[in-house]
PDB file of all heavy atoms in Angstrom:
ATOM      1  N   SER A   1      87.017 128.124  85.403  1.00  0.00           N
ATOM      2  CA  SER A   1      86.937 127.233  84.237  1.00  0.00           C
ATOM      3  C   SER A   1      88.301 127.154  83.552  1.00  0.00           C
ATOM      4  O   SER A   1      89.159 128.023  83.750  1.00  0.00           O
ATOM      5  CB  SER A   1      85.878 127.726  83.237  1.00  0.00           C
ATOM      6  OG  SER A   1      86.279 128.956  82.673  1.00  0.00           O
ATOM      7  N   VAL A   2      88.441 126.107  82.726  1.00  0.00           N
ATOM      8  CA  VAL A   2      89.680 125.945  81.958  1.00  0.00           C
ATOM      9  C   VAL A   2      89.821 127.090  80.964  1.00  0.00           C
ATOM     10  O   VAL A   2      90.918 127.609  80.739  1.00  0.00           O
ATOM     11  CB  VAL A   2      89.685 124.584  81.214  1.00  0.00           C
ATOM     12  CG1 VAL A   2      90.886 124.488  80.282  1.00  0.00           C
ATOM     13  CG2 VAL A   2      89.673 123.434  82.194  1.00  0.00           C
ATOM     14  N   LYS A   3      88.722 127.495  80.383  1.00  0.00           N
ATOM     15  CA  LYS A   3      88.742 128.599  79.413  1.00  0.00           C
ATOM     16  C   LYS A   3      89.249 129.879  80.056  1.00  0.00           C
ATOM     17  O   LYS A   3      90.034 130.630  79.455  1.00  0.00           O
ATOM     18  CB  LYS A   3      87.340 128.794  78.858  1.00  0.00           C
ATOM     19  CG  LYS A   3      87.247 129.856  77.779  1.00  0.00           C
ATOM     20  CD  LYS A   3      85.827 129.963  77.235  1.00  0.00           C
ATOM     21  CE  LYS A   3      85.728 131.037  76.155  1.00  0.00           C
ATOM     22  NZ  LYS A   3      84.340 131.179  75.631  1.00  0.00           N
ATOM     23  N   GLN A   4      88.810 130.105  81.303  1.00  0.00           N
ATOM     24  CA  GLN A   4      89.230 131.318  82.022  1.00  0.00           C
ATOM     25  C   GLN A   4      90.729 131.258  82.317  1.00  0.00           C
ATOM     26  O   GLN A   4      91.450 132.249  82.137  1.00  0.00           O
ATOM     27  CB  GLN A   4      88.425 131.437  83.317  1.00  0.00           C
ATOM     28  CG  GLN A   4      88.601 132.752  84.035  1.00  0.00           C
ATOM     29  CD  GLN A   4      87.774 132.807  85.304  1.00  0.00           C
ATOM     30  OE1 GLN A   4      87.594 131.802  85.999  1.00  0.00           O
ATOM     31  NE2 GLN A   4      87.247 133.995  85.615  1.00  0.00           N
ATOM     32  N   ALA A   5      91.216 130.077  82.735  1.00  0.00           N
ATOM     33  CA  ALA A   5      92.637 129.917  83.051  1.00  0.00           C
ATOM     34  C   ALA A   5      93.485 130.063  81.788  1.00  0.00           C
ATOM     35  O   ALA A   5      94.551 130.687  81.800  1.00  0.00           O
ATOM     36  CB  ALA A   5      92.868 128.550  83.687  1.00  0.00           C
ATOM     37  N   LYS A   6      92.990 129.488  80.638  1.00  0.00           N
ATOM     38  CA  LYS A   6      93.738 129.567  79.378  1.00  0.00           C
ATOM     39  C   LYS A   6      93.829 131.013  78.892  1.00  0.00           C
ATOM     40  O   LYS A   6      94.867 131.451  78.384  1.00  0.00           O
ATOM     41  CB  LYS A   6      93.063 128.686  78.324  1.00  0.00           C
ATOM     42  CG  LYS A   6      93.831 128.606  77.019  1.00  0.00           C
ATOM     43  CD  LYS A   6      93.159 127.639  76.052  1.00  0.00           C
ATOM     44  CE  LYS A   6      93.933 127.556  74.743  1.00  0.00           C
ATOM     45  NZ  LYS A   6      93.306 126.627  73.788  1.00  0.00           N
ATOM     46  N   ALA A   7      92.752 131.775  79.081  1.00  0.00           N
ATOM     47  CA  ALA A   7      92.763 133.182  78.668  1.00  0.00           C
ATOM     48  C   ALA A   7      93.787 133.970  79.467  1.00  0.00           C
ATOM     49  O   ALA A   7      94.462 134.865  78.937  1.00  0.00           O
ATOM     50  CB  ALA A   7      91.367 133.783  78.831  1.00  0.00           C
ATOM     51  N   CYS A   8      93.938 133.625  80.711  1.00  0.00           N
ATOM     52  CA  CYS A   8      94.942 134.301  81.548  1.00  0.00           C
ATOM     53  C   CYS A   8      96.350 133.947  81.103  1.00  0.00           C
ATOM     54  O   CYS A   8      97.221 134.809  81.016  1.00  0.00           O
ATOM     55  CB  CYS A   8      94.724 133.934  83.017  1.00  0.00           C
ATOM     56  SG  CYS A   8      95.910 134.742  84.138  1.00  0.00           S
ATOM     57  N   LEU A   9      96.566 132.653  80.765  1.00  0.00           N
ATOM     58  CA  LEU A   9      97.902 132.208  80.357  1.00  0.00           C
ATOM     59  C   LEU A   9      98.312 132.798  79.020  1.00  0.00           C
ATOM     60  O   LEU A   9      99.495 133.086  78.796  1.00  0.00           O
ATOM     61  CB  LEU A   9      97.952 130.676  80.282  1.00  0.00           C
ATOM     62  CG  LEU A   9      97.845 129.915  81.612  1.00  0.00           C
ATOM     63  CD1 LEU A   9      97.758 128.422  81.362  1.00  0.00           C
ATOM     64  CD2 LEU A   9      99.041 130.226  82.503  1.00  0.00           C
ATOM     65  N   THR A  10      97.366 132.961  78.104  1.00  0.00           N
ATOM     66  CA  THR A  10      97.714 133.424  76.764  1.00  0.00           C
ATOM     67  C   THR A  10      97.636 134.945  76.610  1.00  0.00           C
ATOM     68  O   THR A  10      98.414 135.541  75.874  1.00  0.00           O
ATOM     69  CB  THR A  10      96.791 132.770  75.721  1.00  0.00           C
ATOM     70  OG1 THR A  10      95.422 133.059  76.070  1.00  0.00           O
ATOM     71  CG2 THR A  10      97.002 131.263  75.666  1.00  0.00           C
ATOM     72  N   GLU A  11      96.680 135.573  77.337  1.00  0.00           N
ATOM     73  CA  GLU A  11      96.441 137.000  77.127  1.00  0.00           C
ATOM     74  C   GLU A  11      96.664 137.856  78.381  1.00  0.00           C
ATOM     75  O   GLU A  11      96.565 139.096  78.314  1.00  0.00           O
ATOM     76  CB  GLU A  11      94.999 137.216  76.638  1.00  0.00           C
ATOM     77  CG  GLU A  11      94.677 136.464  75.358  1.00  0.00           C
ATOM     78  CD  GLU A  11      93.194 136.507  75.046  1.00  0.00           C
ATOM     79  OE1 GLU A  11      92.464 137.197  75.796  1.00  0.00           O
ATOM     80  OE2 GLU A  11      92.770 135.859  74.068  1.00  0.00           O
ATOM     81  N   GLY A  12      96.910 137.192  79.498  1.00  0.00           N
ATOM     82  CA  GLY A  12      97.051 137.927  80.760  1.00  0.00           C
ATOM     83  C   GLY A  12      95.727 138.462  81.270  1.00  0.00           C
ATOM     84  O   GLY A  12      95.699 139.426  82.060  1.00  0.00           O
ATOM     85  N   ASN A  13      94.609 137.868  80.857  1.00  0.00           N
ATOM     86  CA  ASN A  13      93.267 138.288  81.288  1.00  0.00           C
ATOM     87  C   ASN A  13      92.985 137.705  82.668  1.00  0.00           C
ATOM     88  O   ASN A  13      92.828 136.499  82.830  1.00  0.00           O
ATOM     89  CB  ASN A  13      92.246 137.803  80.257  1.00  0.00           C
ATOM     90  CG  ASN A  13      90.856 138.341  80.545  1.00  0.00           C
ATOM     91  OD1 ASN A  13      90.595 138.940  81.607  1.00  0.00           O
ATOM     92  ND2 ASN A  13      89.962 138.131  79.593  1.00  0.00           N
ATOM     93  N   ILE A  14      92.882 138.567  83.664  1.00  0.00           N
ATOM     94  CA  ILE A  14      92.704 138.104  85.057  1.00  0.00           C
ATOM     95  C   ILE A  14      91.289 138.358  85.550  1.00  0.00           C
ATOM     96  O   ILE A  14      91.023 138.281  86.773  1.00  0.00           O
ATOM     97  CB  ILE A  14      93.727 138.807  85.975  1.00  0.00           C
ATOM     98  CG1 ILE A  14      93.530 140.329  85.892  1.00  0.00           C
ATOM     99  CG2 ILE A  14      95.151 138.399  85.610  1.00  0.00           C
ATOM    100  CD1 ILE A  14      94.376 141.090  86.902  1.00  0.00           C
ATOM    101  N   THR A  15      90.374 138.647  84.673  1.00  0.00           N
ATOM    102  CA  THR A  15      88.985 138.942  85.057  1.00  0.00           C
ATOM    103  C   THR A  15      88.385 137.762  85.820  1.00  0.00           C
ATOM    104  O   THR A  15      88.441 136.620  85.361  1.00  0.00           O
ATOM    105  CB  THR A  15      88.150 139.229  83.800  1.00  0.00           C
ATOM    106  OG1 THR A  15      88.765 140.286  83.057  1.00  0.00           O
ATOM    107  CG2 THR A  15      86.732 139.634  84.179  1.00  0.00           C
ATOM    108  N   ASP A  16      87.841 138.073  86.990  1.00  0.00           N
ATOM    109  CA  ASP A  16      87.136 137.091  87.851  1.00  0.00           C
ATOM    110  C   ASP A  16      88.037 135.991  88.376  1.00  0.00           C
ATOM    111  O   ASP A  16      87.558 134.945  88.855  1.00  0.00           O
ATOM    112  CB  ASP A  16      85.958 136.463  87.107  1.00  0.00           C
ATOM    113  CG  ASP A  16      84.905 137.494  86.727  1.00  0.00           C
ATOM    114  OD1 ASP A  16      84.796 138.504  87.448  1.00  0.00           O
ATOM    115  OD2 ASP A  16      84.229 137.272  85.692  1.00  0.00           O
ATOM    116  N   ILE A  17      89.364 136.167  88.309  1.00  0.00           N
ATOM    117  CA  ILE A  17      90.281 135.175  88.879  1.00  0.00           C
ATOM    118  C   ILE A  17      90.737 135.703  90.236  1.00  0.00           C
ATOM    119  O   ILE A  17      91.133 136.866  90.374  1.00  0.00           O
ATOM    120  CB  ILE A  17      91.490 134.937  87.962  1.00  0.00           C
ATOM    121  CG1 ILE A  17      91.035 134.383  86.596  1.00  0.00           C
ATOM    122  CG2 ILE A  17      92.493 133.976  88.616  1.00  0.00           C
ATOM    123  CD1 ILE A  17      92.163 134.193  85.623  1.00  0.00           C
ATOM    124  N   HIS A  18      90.682 134.854  91.266  1.00  0.00           N
ATOM    125  CA  HIS A  18      91.044 135.246  92.635  1.00  0.00           C
ATOM    126  C   HIS A  18      92.503 134.919  92.904  1.00  0.00           C
ATOM    127  O   HIS A  18      92.946 133.794  92.677  1.00  0.00           O
ATOM    128  CB  HIS A  18      90.160 134.513  93.642  1.00  0.00           C
ATOM    129  CG  HIS A  18      88.695 134.811  93.444  1.00  0.00           C
ATOM    130  ND1 HIS A  18      88.106 136.023  93.789  1.00  0.00           N
ATOM    131  CD2 HIS A  18      87.693 134.038  92.919  1.00  0.00           C
ATOM    132  CE1 HIS A  18      86.826 135.984  93.491  1.00  0.00           C
ATOM    133  NE2 HIS A  18      86.540 134.775  92.953  1.00  0.00           N
ATOM    134  N   PHE A  19      93.270 135.894  93.321  1.00  0.00           N
ATOM    135  CA  PHE A  19      94.685 135.714  93.645  1.00  0.00           C
ATOM    136  C   PHE A  19      94.903 135.921  95.138  1.00  0.00           C
ATOM    137  O   PHE A  19      94.153 136.642  95.811  1.00  0.00           O
ATOM    138  CB  PHE A  19      95.543 136.723  92.856  1.00  0.00           C
ATOM    139  CG  PHE A  19      95.551 136.464  91.372  1.00  0.00           C
ATOM    140  CD1 PHE A  19      94.618 137.097  90.538  1.00  0.00           C
ATOM    141  CD2 PHE A  19      96.467 135.588  90.827  1.00  0.00           C
ATOM    142  CE1 PHE A  19      94.624 136.860  89.181  1.00  0.00           C
ATOM    143  CE2 PHE A  19      96.474 135.371  89.459  1.00  0.00           C
ATOM    144  CZ  PHE A  19      95.553 135.986  88.639  1.00  0.00           C
ATOM    145  N   LYS A  20      95.961 135.355  95.661  1.00  0.00           N
ATOM    146  CA  LYS A  20      96.277 135.486  97.090  1.00  0.00           C
ATOM    147  C   LYS A  20      96.928 136.836  97.395  1.00  0.00           C
ATOM    148  O   LYS A  20      96.835 137.338  98.510  1.00  0.00           O
ATOM    149  CB  LYS A  20      97.220 134.357  97.522  1.00  0.00           C
ATOM    150  CG  LYS A  20      96.561 132.991  97.503  1.00  0.00           C
ATOM    151  CD  LYS A  20      97.544 131.936  97.983  1.00  0.00           C
ATOM    152  CE  LYS A  20      96.897 130.554  97.993  1.00  0.00           C
ATOM    153  NZ  LYS A  20      97.840 129.519  98.451  1.00  0.00           N
ATOM    154  N   SER A  21      97.608 137.385  96.392  1.00  0.00           N
ATOM    155  CA  SER A  21      98.322 138.652  96.647  1.00  0.00           C
ATOM    156  C   SER A  21      98.237 139.541  95.417  1.00  0.00           C
ATOM    157  O   SER A  21      97.970 139.077  94.302  1.00  0.00           O
ATOM    158  CB  SER A  21      99.794 138.381  96.978  1.00  0.00           C
ATOM    159  OG  SER A  21     100.449 137.814  95.865  1.00  0.00           O
ATOM    160  N   TYR A  22      98.469 140.801  95.648  1.00  0.00           N
ATOM    161  CA  TYR A  22      98.449 141.766  94.556  1.00  0.00           C
ATOM    162  C   TYR A  22      99.620 141.521  93.612  1.00  0.00           C
ATOM    163  O   TYR A  22      99.498 141.683  92.400  1.00  0.00           O
ATOM    164  CB  TYR A  22      98.527 143.193  95.130  1.00  0.00           C
ATOM    165  CG  TYR A  22      98.596 144.247  94.062  1.00  0.00           C
ATOM    166  CD1 TYR A  22      97.458 144.618  93.343  1.00  0.00           C
ATOM    167  CD2 TYR A  22      99.817 144.856  93.742  1.00  0.00           C
ATOM    168  CE1 TYR A  22      97.536 145.582  92.346  1.00  0.00           C
ATOM    169  CE2 TYR A  22      99.890 145.811  92.740  1.00  0.00           C
ATOM    170  CZ  TYR A  22      98.737 146.174  92.061  1.00  0.00           C
ATOM    171  OH  TYR A  22      98.824 147.129  91.065  1.00  0.00           O
ATOM    172  N   GLU A  23     100.777 141.074  94.142  1.00  0.00           N
ATOM    173  CA  GLU A  23     101.946 140.810  93.311  1.00  0.00           C
ATOM    174  C   GLU A  23     101.658 139.694  92.306  1.00  0.00           C
ATOM    175  O   GLU A  23     102.035 139.772  91.132  1.00  0.00           O
ATOM    176  CB  GLU A  23     103.148 140.432  94.173  1.00  0.00           C
ATOM    177  CG  GLU A  23     103.715 141.573  94.989  1.00  0.00           C
ATOM    178  CD  GLU A  23     102.878 141.865  96.236  1.00  0.00           C
ATOM    179  OE1 GLU A  23     101.951 141.036  96.528  1.00  0.00           O
ATOM    180  OE2 GLU A  23     103.110 142.896  96.869  1.00  0.00           O
ATOM    181  N   SER A  24     100.960 138.646  92.756  1.00  0.00           N
ATOM    182  CA  SER A  24     100.614 137.534  91.855  1.00  0.00           C
ATOM    183  C   SER A  24      99.664 138.004  90.767  1.00  0.00           C
ATOM    184  O   SER A  24      99.779 137.638  89.592  1.00  0.00           O
ATOM    185  CB  SER A  24      99.965 136.392  92.640  1.00  0.00           C
ATOM    186  OG  SER A  24     100.857 135.876  93.595  1.00  0.00           O
TER     187      SER A  24
END
């Protein structure tokens, strides 16, 4: 969701977000 992406951009909250690598 947009809310989930915005929380990551503003607070660094990566909960339930799938990344391709551990570095990302």
